[in-house]
Amino acid sequence: MAKTLNVSKHRQVINLRKDGLTYAEIGRRLGMTRQRVGQIVAGQSNIKKKPDRSNPDALLSTAEAAELLNMHVNTIRRWSNKGILEAYRVGPRGDRRIRQGDIDNLLMRKNIQPAHS
C-alpha cells in the first residue's frame, strides 16, 4: 500500500510541475521538502540499495553489521574500539564501516550463524 501512495505522490508532483507550480509550492501542498520534490522531478529514488553481501570487500555500516550479527549497534562500536572487529573510518564525521569479509571471519572464528533478513 505504501508503494501505491508513493506512486500517487510521484504522479501528483509531476502533474503539479506540468501545471507550472514551483518546487516549494508543490512541497507545501504535498507535505514534503522542495528538495524532495526536485529529486522526484529528476527521477531520483530515495530507496537505498543494500550492499552485496557476497562480496567480502563490501563495506557495511555499523547498523547493517549489527543487523547481520543480530546485536545492538553499540556492541559493534564497542567491538571496534576493542579491536575484536576491524572498522574503517570514512567521511568527515569518521563513520565506521566494516568489511563483509571481516564479519565472515569473525563468524567462522566464533562458529556463529549469521542472522538472515
N, C-alpha and C. Protein backbone atom coordinates (compact mmCIF):
# COMPACT_ATOMS: atom_id res chain seq x y z
N MET A 1 0.82 -1.19 0.00
CA MET A 1 0.00 0.00 0.00
C MET A 1 0.87 1.26 0.00
N ALA A 2 1.99 1.22 0.73
CA ALA A 2 2.86 2.39 0.77
C ALA A 2 3.43 2.68 -0.61
N LYS A 3 3.70 1.63 -1.39
CA LYS A 3 4.24 1.84 -2.73
C LYS A 3 3.23 2.57 -3.61
N THR A 4 1.96 2.21 -3.48
CA THR A 4 0.91 2.88 -4.24
C THR A 4 0.84 4.36 -3.87
N LEU A 5 0.97 4.63 -2.58
CA LEU A 5 0.94 6.00 -2.10
C LEU A 5 2.10 6.79 -2.71
N ASN A 6 3.29 6.19 -2.75
CA ASN A 6 4.46 6.86 -3.32
C ASN A 6 4.26 7.14 -4.81
N VAL A 7 3.72 6.17 -5.53
CA VAL A 7 3.48 6.36 -6.95
C VAL A 7 2.47 7.48 -7.14
N SER A 8 1.46 7.50 -6.30
CA SER A 8 0.45 8.54 -6.36
C SER A 8 1.08 9.92 -6.12
N LYS A 9 1.93 10.01 -5.10
CA LYS A 9 2.61 11.29 -4.83
C LYS A 9 3.50 11.67 -6.01
N HIS A 10 4.17 10.68 -6.59
CA HIS A 10 5.04 10.94 -7.74
C HIS A 10 4.24 11.55 -8.87
N ARG A 11 3.11 10.95 -9.16
CA ARG A 11 2.26 11.47 -10.23
C ARG A 11 1.75 12.87 -9.90
N GLN A 12 1.38 13.08 -8.64
CA GLN A 12 0.91 14.41 -8.23
C GLN A 12 2.00 15.44 -8.44
N VAL A 13 3.23 15.11 -8.05
CA VAL A 13 4.35 16.05 -8.22
C VAL A 13 4.54 16.37 -9.69
N ILE A 14 4.56 15.35 -10.53
CA ILE A 14 4.77 15.55 -11.96
C ILE A 14 3.65 16.41 -12.55
N ASN A 15 2.41 16.11 -12.19
CA ASN A 15 1.28 16.88 -12.73
C ASN A 15 1.31 18.32 -12.26
N LEU A 16 1.62 18.54 -10.97
CA LEU A 16 1.68 19.91 -10.45
C LEU A 16 2.83 20.68 -11.10
N ARG A 17 3.92 20.00 -11.38
CA ARG A 17 5.04 20.66 -12.04
C ARG A 17 4.66 21.05 -13.47
N LYS A 18 3.91 20.17 -14.15
CA LYS A 18 3.44 20.49 -15.51
C LYS A 18 2.50 21.69 -15.49
N ASP A 19 1.77 21.86 -14.38
CA ASP A 19 0.87 23.00 -14.24
C ASP A 19 1.61 24.30 -13.94
N GLY A 20 2.94 24.21 -13.76
CA GLY A 20 3.75 25.41 -13.59
C GLY A 20 4.03 25.80 -12.15
N LEU A 21 3.70 24.94 -11.19
CA LEU A 21 3.99 25.26 -9.78
C LEU A 21 5.47 25.09 -9.50
N THR A 22 5.98 25.88 -8.56
CA THR A 22 7.38 25.76 -8.16
C THR A 22 7.54 24.57 -7.23
N TYR A 23 8.80 24.16 -7.03
CA TYR A 23 9.08 23.06 -6.11
C TYR A 23 8.56 23.36 -4.70
N ALA A 24 8.74 24.60 -4.26
CA ALA A 24 8.30 25.00 -2.92
C ALA A 24 6.77 24.91 -2.80
N GLU A 25 6.06 25.37 -3.83
CA GLU A 25 4.59 25.30 -3.80
C GLU A 25 4.10 23.85 -3.79
N ILE A 26 4.73 23.03 -4.59
CA ILE A 26 4.35 21.61 -4.62
C ILE A 26 4.64 20.97 -3.27
N GLY A 27 5.78 21.29 -2.71
CA GLY A 27 6.15 20.75 -1.41
C GLY A 27 5.15 21.12 -0.32
N ARG A 28 4.72 22.37 -0.32
CA ARG A 28 3.74 22.81 0.68
C ARG A 28 2.42 22.06 0.51
N ARG A 29 2.01 21.88 -0.73
CA ARG A 29 0.73 21.19 -0.99
C ARG A 29 0.77 19.72 -0.58
N LEU A 30 1.92 19.08 -0.81
CA LEU A 30 2.00 17.64 -0.60
C LEU A 30 2.72 17.25 0.69
N GLY A 31 3.19 18.24 1.43
CA GLY A 31 3.84 17.96 2.71
C GLY A 31 5.21 17.34 2.59
N MET A 32 6.02 17.87 1.69
CA MET A 32 7.39 17.39 1.54
C MET A 32 8.29 18.58 1.27
N THR A 33 9.58 18.37 1.35
CA THR A 33 10.51 19.47 1.11
C THR A 33 10.63 19.75 -0.39
N ARG A 34 11.05 20.95 -0.69
CA ARG A 34 11.23 21.30 -2.10
C ARG A 34 12.39 20.50 -2.70
N GLN A 35 13.36 20.13 -1.85
CA GLN A 35 14.46 19.30 -2.33
C GLN A 35 13.96 17.93 -2.76
N ARG A 36 13.03 17.36 -1.97
CA ARG A 36 12.47 16.06 -2.32
C ARG A 36 11.65 16.15 -3.61
N VAL A 37 10.92 17.25 -3.77
CA VAL A 37 10.17 17.47 -5.00
C VAL A 37 11.13 17.49 -6.18
N GLY A 38 12.25 18.18 -6.03
CA GLY A 38 13.26 18.22 -7.09
C GLY A 38 13.82 16.84 -7.41
N GLN A 39 14.01 16.03 -6.38
CA GLN A 39 14.50 14.66 -6.61
C GLN A 39 13.48 13.85 -7.39
N ILE A 40 12.21 14.00 -7.04
CA ILE A 40 11.16 13.26 -7.74
C ILE A 40 11.11 13.69 -9.19
N VAL A 41 11.16 15.00 -9.44
CA VAL A 41 11.12 15.51 -10.82
C VAL A 41 12.32 15.00 -11.61
N ALA A 42 13.49 14.94 -10.96
CA ALA A 42 14.70 14.47 -11.63
C ALA A 42 14.74 12.95 -11.78
N GLY A 43 13.78 12.26 -11.15
CA GLY A 43 13.72 10.81 -11.27
C GLY A 43 14.60 10.07 -10.31
N GLN A 44 15.05 10.74 -9.25
CA GLN A 44 15.90 10.09 -8.27
C GLN A 44 15.05 9.32 -7.27
N SER A 45 15.53 8.16 -6.89
CA SER A 45 14.83 7.31 -5.93
C SER A 45 15.37 7.57 -4.54
N ASN A 46 14.54 7.40 -3.53
CA ASN A 46 15.00 7.53 -2.15
C ASN A 46 15.21 6.17 -1.51
N ILE A 47 15.17 5.11 -2.32
CA ILE A 47 15.36 3.77 -1.80
C ILE A 47 16.85 3.46 -1.79
N LYS A 48 17.37 3.10 -0.61
CA LYS A 48 18.78 2.76 -0.50
C LYS A 48 19.00 1.32 -0.94
N LYS A 49 20.06 1.13 -1.69
CA LYS A 49 20.41 -0.20 -2.13
C LYS A 49 21.20 -0.88 -1.03
N LYS A 50 20.89 -2.16 -0.79
CA LYS A 50 21.65 -2.92 0.20
C LYS A 50 22.95 -3.37 -0.44
N PRO A 51 24.03 -3.40 0.37
CA PRO A 51 25.31 -3.82 -0.18
C PRO A 51 25.28 -5.30 -0.56
N ASP A 52 26.12 -5.67 -1.51
CA ASP A 52 26.24 -7.05 -1.96
C ASP A 52 27.00 -7.82 -0.89
N ARG A 53 26.29 -8.66 -0.15
CA ARG A 53 26.91 -9.37 0.97
C ARG A 53 27.72 -10.57 0.52
N SER A 54 27.69 -10.89 -0.77
CA SER A 54 28.53 -11.98 -1.26
C SER A 54 29.95 -11.49 -1.54
N ASN A 55 30.13 -10.19 -1.60
CA ASN A 55 31.44 -9.59 -1.86
C ASN A 55 32.14 -9.35 -0.52
N PRO A 56 33.28 -10.02 -0.27
CA PRO A 56 33.95 -9.84 1.02
C PRO A 56 34.50 -8.43 1.23
N ASP A 57 34.67 -7.66 0.16
CA ASP A 57 35.18 -6.29 0.29
C ASP A 57 34.06 -5.26 0.46
N ALA A 58 32.81 -5.71 0.46
CA ALA A 58 31.69 -4.77 0.64
C ALA A 58 31.77 -4.14 2.02
N LEU A 59 31.57 -2.83 2.07
CA LEU A 59 31.62 -2.13 3.35
C LEU A 59 30.20 -1.97 3.90
N LEU A 60 30.01 -2.37 5.14
CA LEU A 60 28.71 -2.27 5.80
C LEU A 60 28.77 -1.20 6.86
N SER A 61 27.66 -0.53 7.07
CA SER A 61 27.57 0.42 8.17
C SER A 61 27.48 -0.35 9.48
N THR A 62 27.63 0.34 10.59
CA THR A 62 27.51 -0.34 11.88
C THR A 62 26.11 -0.90 12.06
N ALA A 63 25.10 -0.21 11.56
CA ALA A 63 23.72 -0.70 11.68
C ALA A 63 23.53 -1.97 10.86
N GLU A 64 24.10 -2.01 9.65
CA GLU A 64 23.98 -3.21 8.80
C GLU A 64 24.72 -4.38 9.43
N ALA A 65 25.91 -4.11 9.99
CA ALA A 65 26.68 -5.17 10.65
C ALA A 65 25.92 -5.68 11.88
N ALA A 66 25.32 -4.76 12.64
CA ALA A 66 24.56 -5.16 13.82
C ALA A 66 23.37 -6.02 13.44
N GLU A 67 22.70 -5.67 12.36
CA GLU A 67 21.55 -6.46 11.89
C GLU A 67 22.00 -7.84 11.46
N LEU A 68 23.12 -7.90 10.76
CA LEU A 68 23.64 -9.17 10.28
C LEU A 68 24.04 -10.07 11.44
N LEU A 69 24.63 -9.48 12.49
CA LEU A 69 25.08 -10.26 13.64
C LEU A 69 24.01 -10.40 14.72
N ASN A 70 22.86 -9.78 14.48
CA ASN A 70 21.74 -9.84 15.43
C ASN A 70 22.15 -9.31 16.81
N MET A 71 22.72 -8.12 16.81
CA MET A 71 23.12 -7.49 18.07
C MET A 71 22.93 -5.98 17.96
N HIS A 72 23.11 -5.30 19.07
CA HIS A 72 22.93 -3.85 19.12
C HIS A 72 24.11 -3.15 18.45
N VAL A 73 23.83 -2.03 17.85
CA VAL A 73 24.85 -1.26 17.14
C VAL A 73 25.96 -0.81 18.09
N ASN A 74 25.63 -0.55 19.35
CA ASN A 74 26.66 -0.15 20.32
C ASN A 74 27.65 -1.28 20.58
N THR A 75 27.19 -2.52 20.47
CA THR A 75 28.10 -3.66 20.62
C THR A 75 29.11 -3.67 19.47
N ILE A 76 28.65 -3.37 18.27
CA ILE A 76 29.57 -3.28 17.12
C ILE A 76 30.60 -2.19 17.37
N ARG A 77 30.16 -1.05 17.86
CA ARG A 77 31.09 0.06 18.16
C ARG A 77 32.09 -0.36 19.23
N ARG A 78 31.60 -1.01 20.27
CA ARG A 78 32.46 -1.44 21.37
C ARG A 78 33.49 -2.46 20.86
N TRP A 79 33.04 -3.43 20.04
CA TRP A 79 33.96 -4.41 19.48
C TRP A 79 34.99 -3.74 18.58
N SER A 80 34.57 -2.72 17.88
CA SER A 80 35.50 -1.98 17.04
C SER A 80 36.56 -1.28 17.90
N ASN A 81 36.13 -0.67 18.98
CA ASN A 81 37.06 0.02 19.88
C ASN A 81 38.04 -0.96 20.52
N LYS A 82 37.58 -2.18 20.82
CA LYS A 82 38.44 -3.18 21.46
C LYS A 82 39.29 -3.95 20.46
N GLY A 83 39.03 -3.78 19.16
CA GLY A 83 39.80 -4.48 18.15
C GLY A 83 39.27 -5.87 17.84
N ILE A 84 38.12 -6.24 18.36
CA ILE A 84 37.53 -7.54 18.07
C ILE A 84 37.06 -7.58 16.62
N LEU A 85 36.56 -6.46 16.15
CA LEU A 85 36.06 -6.34 14.78
C LEU A 85 36.69 -5.09 14.18
N GLU A 86 37.43 -5.26 13.09
CA GLU A 86 38.11 -4.12 12.48
C GLU A 86 37.11 -3.23 11.75
N ALA A 87 37.21 -1.94 11.99
CA ALA A 87 36.34 -0.97 11.33
C ALA A 87 37.21 0.09 10.67
N TYR A 88 36.72 0.60 9.57
CA TYR A 88 37.41 1.65 8.83
C TYR A 88 36.61 2.94 9.00
N ARG A 89 37.30 4.04 9.18
CA ARG A 89 36.64 5.33 9.34
C ARG A 89 36.55 6.01 7.99
N VAL A 90 35.35 6.48 7.64
CA VAL A 90 35.14 7.13 6.36
C VAL A 90 34.43 8.46 6.56
N GLY A 91 34.64 9.35 5.63
CA GLY A 91 33.94 10.63 5.62
C GLY A 91 34.44 11.59 6.68
N PRO A 92 33.95 12.82 6.61
CA PRO A 92 34.40 13.85 7.55
C PRO A 92 33.97 13.59 8.99
N ARG A 93 32.88 12.84 9.18
CA ARG A 93 32.44 12.53 10.55
C ARG A 93 33.16 11.33 11.13
N GLY A 94 33.86 10.59 10.30
CA GLY A 94 34.57 9.41 10.77
C GLY A 94 33.64 8.23 11.03
N ASP A 95 32.60 8.09 10.21
CA ASP A 95 31.68 6.97 10.36
C ASP A 95 32.42 5.66 10.17
N ARG A 96 31.99 4.65 10.92
CA ARG A 96 32.62 3.33 10.82
C ARG A 96 32.01 2.52 9.69
N ARG A 97 32.86 1.78 9.01
CA ARG A 97 32.43 0.81 8.02
C ARG A 97 33.18 -0.48 8.29
N ILE A 98 32.48 -1.58 8.19
CA ILE A 98 33.05 -2.88 8.48
C ILE A 98 33.00 -3.72 7.21
N ARG A 99 34.10 -4.34 6.86
CA ARG A 99 34.14 -5.19 5.67
C ARG A 99 33.33 -6.46 5.91
N GLN A 100 32.59 -6.89 4.90
CA GLN A 100 31.81 -8.12 4.98
C GLN A 100 32.73 -9.30 5.29
N GLY A 101 33.91 -9.32 4.70
CA GLY A 101 34.86 -10.40 4.93
C GLY A 101 35.30 -10.49 6.38
N ASP A 102 35.46 -9.33 7.05
CA ASP A 102 35.84 -9.33 8.47
C ASP A 102 34.72 -9.91 9.33
N ILE A 103 33.48 -9.62 8.98
CA ILE A 103 32.35 -10.20 9.71
C ILE A 103 32.31 -11.71 9.48
N ASP A 104 32.51 -12.14 8.23
CA ASP A 104 32.54 -13.57 7.92
C ASP A 104 33.63 -14.28 8.71
N ASN A 105 34.82 -13.67 8.77
CA ASN A 105 35.94 -14.26 9.53
C ASN A 105 35.60 -14.36 11.02
N LEU A 106 34.98 -13.33 11.56
CA LEU A 106 34.58 -13.35 12.97
C LEU A 106 33.60 -14.49 13.22
N LEU A 107 32.64 -14.64 12.33
CA LEU A 107 31.65 -15.70 12.48
C LEU A 107 32.30 -17.08 12.38
N MET A 108 33.27 -17.22 11.50
CA MET A 108 33.96 -18.50 11.36
C MET A 108 34.76 -18.81 12.63
N ARG A 109 35.45 -17.80 13.18
CA ARG A 109 36.23 -18.00 14.41
C ARG A 109 35.33 -18.38 15.58
N LYS A 110 34.17 -17.74 15.66
CA LYS A 110 33.26 -17.96 16.79
C LYS A 110 32.25 -19.07 16.50
N ASN A 111 32.26 -19.58 15.25
CA ASN A 111 31.31 -20.62 14.83
C ASN A 111 29.86 -20.19 15.08
N ILE A 112 29.56 -18.98 14.62
CA ILE A 112 28.23 -18.38 14.79
C ILE A 112 27.54 -18.32 13.44
N GLN A 113 26.26 -18.58 13.40
CA GLN A 113 25.49 -18.45 12.17
C GLN A 113 24.95 -17.02 12.06
N PRO A 114 25.09 -16.37 10.91
CA PRO A 114 24.56 -15.00 10.75
C PRO A 114 23.05 -14.99 10.72
N ALA A 115 22.47 -13.89 11.19
CA ALA A 115 21.01 -13.71 11.10
C ALA A 115 20.70 -13.26 9.68
N HIS A 116 19.76 -13.92 9.04
CA HIS A 116 19.37 -13.55 7.67
C HIS A 116 18.05 -12.81 7.71
N SER A 117 18.00 -11.68 6.97
CA SER A 117 16.76 -10.90 6.94
C SER A 117 15.97 -11.19 5.72
